[in-house]
Amino acid sequence: MTSVTALLTNQLMDAIMYYAEQGHDAAYTGPLSIEVTAQVISTSHGPSGSNLEYFEKLLAFIEDIGMEDAHMAELKIAITQKISSSSPS
């Protein structure tokens, strides 16, 4: 975990940046399909909490500042489908 200061929408803000390096970090998975990524996000927890909660907060922030991210939108659909299919009816 690294602390950074980000300049977005002409406002300085503190942020925490997570990253994994190939060959240096057990968390690095390499490229994964949307389906596998959705499964990981919807079920995993890390030292800072739920991956799903992190994803939802990141997506909300991206939408709040008016950004569009096709990959995040695709993940949102896949995650919603994963959660819906695993919920008892």
N, C-alpha and C. Protein backbone atom coordinates (compact mmCIF):
# COMPACT_ATOMS: atom_id res chain seq x y z
N MET A 1 0.85 -1.16 0.00
CA MET A 1 0.00 0.00 0.00
C MET A 1 0.90 1.23 0.00
N THR A 2 0.55 2.19 -0.83
CA THR A 2 1.31 3.42 -0.95
C THR A 2 0.36 4.60 -0.85
N SER A 3 0.71 5.61 -0.08
CA SER A 3 -0.10 6.83 -0.01
C SER A 3 0.34 7.76 -1.13
N VAL A 4 -0.63 8.36 -1.80
CA VAL A 4 -0.35 9.29 -2.90
C VAL A 4 -1.25 10.50 -2.79
N THR A 5 -0.90 11.58 -3.44
CA THR A 5 -1.78 12.72 -3.58
C THR A 5 -2.16 12.81 -5.04
N ALA A 6 -3.45 12.79 -5.31
CA ALA A 6 -3.94 12.77 -6.68
C ALA A 6 -4.57 14.10 -7.04
N LEU A 7 -4.37 14.55 -8.27
CA LEU A 7 -5.00 15.77 -8.75
C LEU A 7 -6.09 15.37 -9.73
N LEU A 8 -7.33 15.52 -9.27
CA LEU A 8 -8.49 15.18 -10.10
C LEU A 8 -9.48 16.32 -9.99
N THR A 9 -10.05 16.66 -11.08
CA THR A 9 -11.04 17.74 -11.13
C THR A 9 -10.57 18.98 -10.37
N ASN A 10 -9.29 19.31 -10.53
CA ASN A 10 -8.67 20.48 -9.91
C ASN A 10 -8.75 20.50 -8.39
N GLN A 11 -8.84 19.33 -7.77
CA GLN A 11 -8.85 19.23 -6.32
C GLN A 11 -7.77 18.24 -5.89
N LEU A 12 -6.98 18.62 -4.90
CA LEU A 12 -6.03 17.68 -4.33
C LEU A 12 -6.76 16.81 -3.32
N MET A 13 -6.46 15.54 -3.30
CA MET A 13 -7.07 14.64 -2.33
C MET A 13 -6.08 13.55 -1.99
N ASP A 14 -6.20 13.02 -0.80
CA ASP A 14 -5.37 11.89 -0.42
C ASP A 14 -6.02 10.63 -0.93
N ALA A 15 -5.21 9.69 -1.33
CA ALA A 15 -5.71 8.43 -1.84
C ALA A 15 -4.77 7.32 -1.41
N ILE A 16 -5.28 6.12 -1.37
CA ILE A 16 -4.46 4.95 -1.14
C ILE A 16 -4.44 4.18 -2.45
N MET A 17 -3.26 3.86 -2.91
CA MET A 17 -3.12 3.14 -4.17
C MET A 17 -2.62 1.73 -3.87
N TYR A 18 -3.32 0.76 -4.42
CA TYR A 18 -2.91 -0.63 -4.30
C TYR A 18 -2.36 -1.09 -5.64
N TYR A 19 -1.30 -1.84 -5.61
CA TYR A 19 -0.76 -2.37 -6.85
C TYR A 19 -0.05 -3.68 -6.56
N ALA A 20 0.09 -4.49 -7.59
CA ALA A 20 0.80 -5.76 -7.48
C ALA A 20 1.76 -5.85 -8.65
N GLU A 21 2.95 -6.33 -8.38
CA GLU A 21 3.96 -6.45 -9.43
C GLU A 21 4.19 -7.91 -9.78
N GLN A 22 4.24 -8.18 -11.05
CA GLN A 22 4.51 -9.52 -11.53
C GLN A 22 5.84 -10.00 -10.98
N GLY A 23 5.83 -11.16 -10.35
CA GLY A 23 7.06 -11.75 -9.83
C GLY A 23 7.48 -11.24 -8.47
N HIS A 24 6.80 -10.21 -7.95
CA HIS A 24 7.18 -9.63 -6.67
C HIS A 24 6.04 -9.63 -5.65
N ASP A 25 4.87 -10.07 -6.04
CA ASP A 25 3.71 -9.94 -5.18
C ASP A 25 2.77 -11.13 -5.38
N ALA A 26 2.46 -11.80 -4.29
CA ALA A 26 1.57 -12.96 -4.36
C ALA A 26 0.16 -12.57 -4.82
N ALA A 27 -0.21 -11.29 -4.67
CA ALA A 27 -1.54 -10.83 -5.07
C ALA A 27 -1.66 -10.65 -6.58
N TYR A 28 -0.54 -10.62 -7.29
CA TYR A 28 -0.58 -10.40 -8.74
C TYR A 28 -1.09 -11.66 -9.43
N THR A 29 -2.18 -11.52 -10.16
CA THR A 29 -2.78 -12.68 -10.84
C THR A 29 -2.49 -12.71 -12.33
N GLY A 30 -2.02 -11.61 -12.87
CA GLY A 30 -1.91 -11.52 -14.33
C GLY A 30 -3.29 -11.26 -14.90
N PRO A 31 -3.40 -11.26 -16.22
CA PRO A 31 -4.69 -10.98 -16.84
C PRO A 31 -5.70 -12.09 -16.55
N LEU A 32 -6.91 -11.69 -16.22
CA LEU A 32 -8.00 -12.63 -15.96
C LEU A 32 -9.20 -12.25 -16.82
N SER A 33 -10.04 -13.23 -17.11
CA SER A 33 -11.28 -12.93 -17.84
C SER A 33 -12.20 -12.08 -16.96
N ILE A 34 -13.18 -11.44 -17.58
CA ILE A 34 -14.16 -10.66 -16.84
C ILE A 34 -14.88 -11.55 -15.83
N GLU A 35 -15.23 -12.76 -16.23
CA GLU A 35 -15.96 -13.66 -15.35
C GLU A 35 -15.15 -14.03 -14.11
N VAL A 36 -13.88 -14.35 -14.30
CA VAL A 36 -13.02 -14.72 -13.17
C VAL A 36 -12.77 -13.49 -12.28
N THR A 37 -12.54 -12.34 -12.89
CA THR A 37 -12.34 -11.12 -12.12
C THR A 37 -13.58 -10.81 -11.29
N ALA A 38 -14.76 -10.96 -11.87
CA ALA A 38 -16.02 -10.72 -11.15
C ALA A 38 -16.16 -11.68 -9.98
N GLN A 39 -15.76 -12.92 -10.16
CA GLN A 39 -15.83 -13.91 -9.08
C GLN A 39 -14.89 -13.51 -7.94
N VAL A 40 -13.68 -13.11 -8.28
CA VAL A 40 -12.70 -12.70 -7.27
C VAL A 40 -13.22 -11.48 -6.50
N ILE A 41 -13.68 -10.47 -7.23
CA ILE A 41 -14.17 -9.25 -6.58
C ILE A 41 -15.37 -9.53 -5.69
N SER A 42 -16.27 -10.36 -6.14
CA SER A 42 -17.51 -10.59 -5.40
C SER A 42 -17.33 -11.47 -4.17
N THR A 43 -16.20 -12.16 -4.05
CA THR A 43 -16.03 -13.09 -2.93
C THR A 43 -14.81 -12.85 -2.06
N SER A 44 -13.90 -12.00 -2.47
CA SER A 44 -12.63 -11.87 -1.75
C SER A 44 -12.61 -10.71 -0.77
N HIS A 45 -11.76 -10.88 0.24
CA HIS A 45 -11.50 -9.84 1.24
C HIS A 45 -10.00 -9.72 1.39
N GLY A 46 -9.53 -8.50 1.59
CA GLY A 46 -8.11 -8.26 1.81
C GLY A 46 -7.90 -7.53 3.12
N PRO A 47 -6.68 -7.07 3.35
CA PRO A 47 -6.37 -6.40 4.61
C PRO A 47 -7.18 -5.13 4.86
N SER A 48 -7.68 -4.52 3.78
CA SER A 48 -8.46 -3.29 3.92
C SER A 48 -9.96 -3.54 3.83
N GLY A 49 -10.37 -4.80 3.73
CA GLY A 49 -11.79 -5.11 3.69
C GLY A 49 -12.22 -5.86 2.44
N SER A 50 -13.50 -5.76 2.15
CA SER A 50 -14.13 -6.46 1.05
C SER A 50 -13.71 -5.89 -0.30
N ASN A 51 -13.35 -6.78 -1.22
CA ASN A 51 -13.04 -6.33 -2.58
C ASN A 51 -14.28 -5.75 -3.24
N LEU A 52 -15.45 -6.30 -2.92
CA LEU A 52 -16.69 -5.78 -3.49
C LEU A 52 -16.94 -4.35 -3.03
N GLU A 53 -16.75 -4.09 -1.74
CA GLU A 53 -16.94 -2.74 -1.23
C GLU A 53 -15.96 -1.77 -1.88
N TYR A 54 -14.71 -2.18 -2.04
CA TYR A 54 -13.70 -1.34 -2.70
C TYR A 54 -14.12 -1.05 -4.14
N PHE A 55 -14.56 -2.08 -4.86
CA PHE A 55 -15.00 -1.91 -6.24
C PHE A 55 -16.17 -0.93 -6.32
N GLU A 56 -17.16 -1.12 -5.44
CA GLU A 56 -18.34 -0.24 -5.46
C GLU A 56 -17.97 1.21 -5.18
N LYS A 57 -17.07 1.44 -4.24
CA LYS A 57 -16.64 2.81 -3.93
C LYS A 57 -15.85 3.40 -5.09
N LEU A 58 -14.99 2.61 -5.70
CA LEU A 58 -14.23 3.09 -6.86
C LEU A 58 -15.16 3.44 -8.01
N LEU A 59 -16.11 2.58 -8.28
CA LEU A 59 -17.07 2.83 -9.36
C LEU A 59 -17.89 4.09 -9.08
N ALA A 60 -18.34 4.26 -7.85
CA ALA A 60 -19.11 5.46 -7.49
C ALA A 60 -18.27 6.71 -7.68
N PHE A 61 -17.01 6.67 -7.29
CA PHE A 61 -16.13 7.83 -7.46
C PHE A 61 -15.93 8.15 -8.94
N ILE A 62 -15.69 7.14 -9.74
CA ILE A 62 -15.50 7.34 -11.18
C ILE A 62 -16.75 7.98 -11.79
N GLU A 63 -17.92 7.48 -11.40
CA GLU A 63 -19.17 8.04 -11.92
C GLU A 63 -19.39 9.46 -11.42
N ASP A 64 -19.06 9.72 -10.13
CA ASP A 64 -19.25 11.05 -9.54
C ASP A 64 -18.43 12.12 -10.25
N ILE A 65 -17.25 11.77 -10.72
CA ILE A 65 -16.41 12.78 -11.38
C ILE A 65 -16.65 12.80 -12.89
N GLY A 66 -17.63 12.03 -13.35
CA GLY A 66 -18.03 12.08 -14.75
C GLY A 66 -17.19 11.24 -15.69
N MET A 67 -16.41 10.34 -15.14
CA MET A 67 -15.61 9.46 -16.01
C MET A 67 -16.45 8.27 -16.46
N GLU A 68 -16.12 7.76 -17.62
CA GLU A 68 -16.72 6.53 -18.10
C GLU A 68 -15.60 5.53 -18.31
N ASP A 69 -15.80 4.32 -17.81
CA ASP A 69 -14.78 3.27 -17.93
C ASP A 69 -15.49 2.00 -18.37
N ALA A 70 -15.30 1.61 -19.60
CA ALA A 70 -16.00 0.46 -20.18
C ALA A 70 -15.68 -0.82 -19.42
N HIS A 71 -14.44 -0.98 -18.99
CA HIS A 71 -14.04 -2.19 -18.26
C HIS A 71 -14.77 -2.26 -16.92
N MET A 72 -14.84 -1.15 -16.20
CA MET A 72 -15.55 -1.12 -14.92
C MET A 72 -17.05 -1.40 -15.13
N ALA A 73 -17.63 -0.85 -16.18
CA ALA A 73 -19.05 -1.08 -16.47
C ALA A 73 -19.29 -2.55 -16.77
N GLU A 74 -18.40 -3.17 -17.53
CA GLU A 74 -18.51 -4.59 -17.84
C GLU A 74 -18.37 -5.44 -16.57
N LEU A 75 -17.43 -5.06 -15.71
CA LEU A 75 -17.26 -5.76 -14.43
C LEU A 75 -18.50 -5.63 -13.56
N LYS A 76 -19.10 -4.44 -13.52
CA LYS A 76 -20.31 -4.22 -12.71
C LYS A 76 -21.41 -5.19 -13.12
N ILE A 77 -21.61 -5.35 -14.42
CA ILE A 77 -22.63 -6.27 -14.93
C ILE A 77 -22.30 -7.70 -14.51
N ALA A 78 -21.06 -8.11 -14.70
CA ALA A 78 -20.65 -9.48 -14.37
C ALA A 78 -20.75 -9.75 -12.87
N ILE A 79 -20.36 -8.77 -12.05
CA ILE A 79 -20.44 -8.93 -10.59
C ILE A 79 -21.90 -9.03 -10.16
N THR A 80 -22.75 -8.19 -10.71
CA THR A 80 -24.18 -8.24 -10.38
C THR A 80 -24.76 -9.60 -10.73
N GLN A 81 -24.37 -10.15 -11.88
CA GLN A 81 -24.84 -11.47 -12.28
C GLN A 81 -24.33 -12.56 -11.32
N LYS A 82 -23.06 -12.46 -10.92
CA LYS A 82 -22.48 -13.44 -9.98
C LYS A 82 -23.23 -13.41 -8.65
N ILE A 83 -23.47 -12.21 -8.14
CA ILE A 83 -24.15 -12.09 -6.86
C ILE A 83 -25.59 -12.58 -6.97
N SER A 84 -26.26 -12.24 -8.06
CA SER A 84 -27.65 -12.67 -8.25
C SER A 84 -27.76 -14.19 -8.35
N SER A 85 -26.82 -14.80 -9.05
CA SER A 85 -26.89 -16.25 -9.24
C SER A 85 -26.49 -17.01 -7.98
N SER A 86 -25.77 -16.37 -7.06
CA SER A 86 -25.36 -17.07 -5.83
C SER A 86 -26.29 -16.79 -4.67
N SER A 87 -27.24 -15.86 -4.85
CA SER A 87 -28.18 -15.54 -3.79
C SER A 87 -29.31 -16.56 -3.78
N PRO A 88 -29.72 -16.97 -2.57
CA PRO A 88 -30.86 -17.92 -2.51
C PRO A 88 -32.14 -17.24 -3.01
N SER A 89 -32.92 -17.98 -3.76
CA SER A 89 -34.16 -17.42 -4.33
C SER A 89 -35.31 -17.53 -3.37
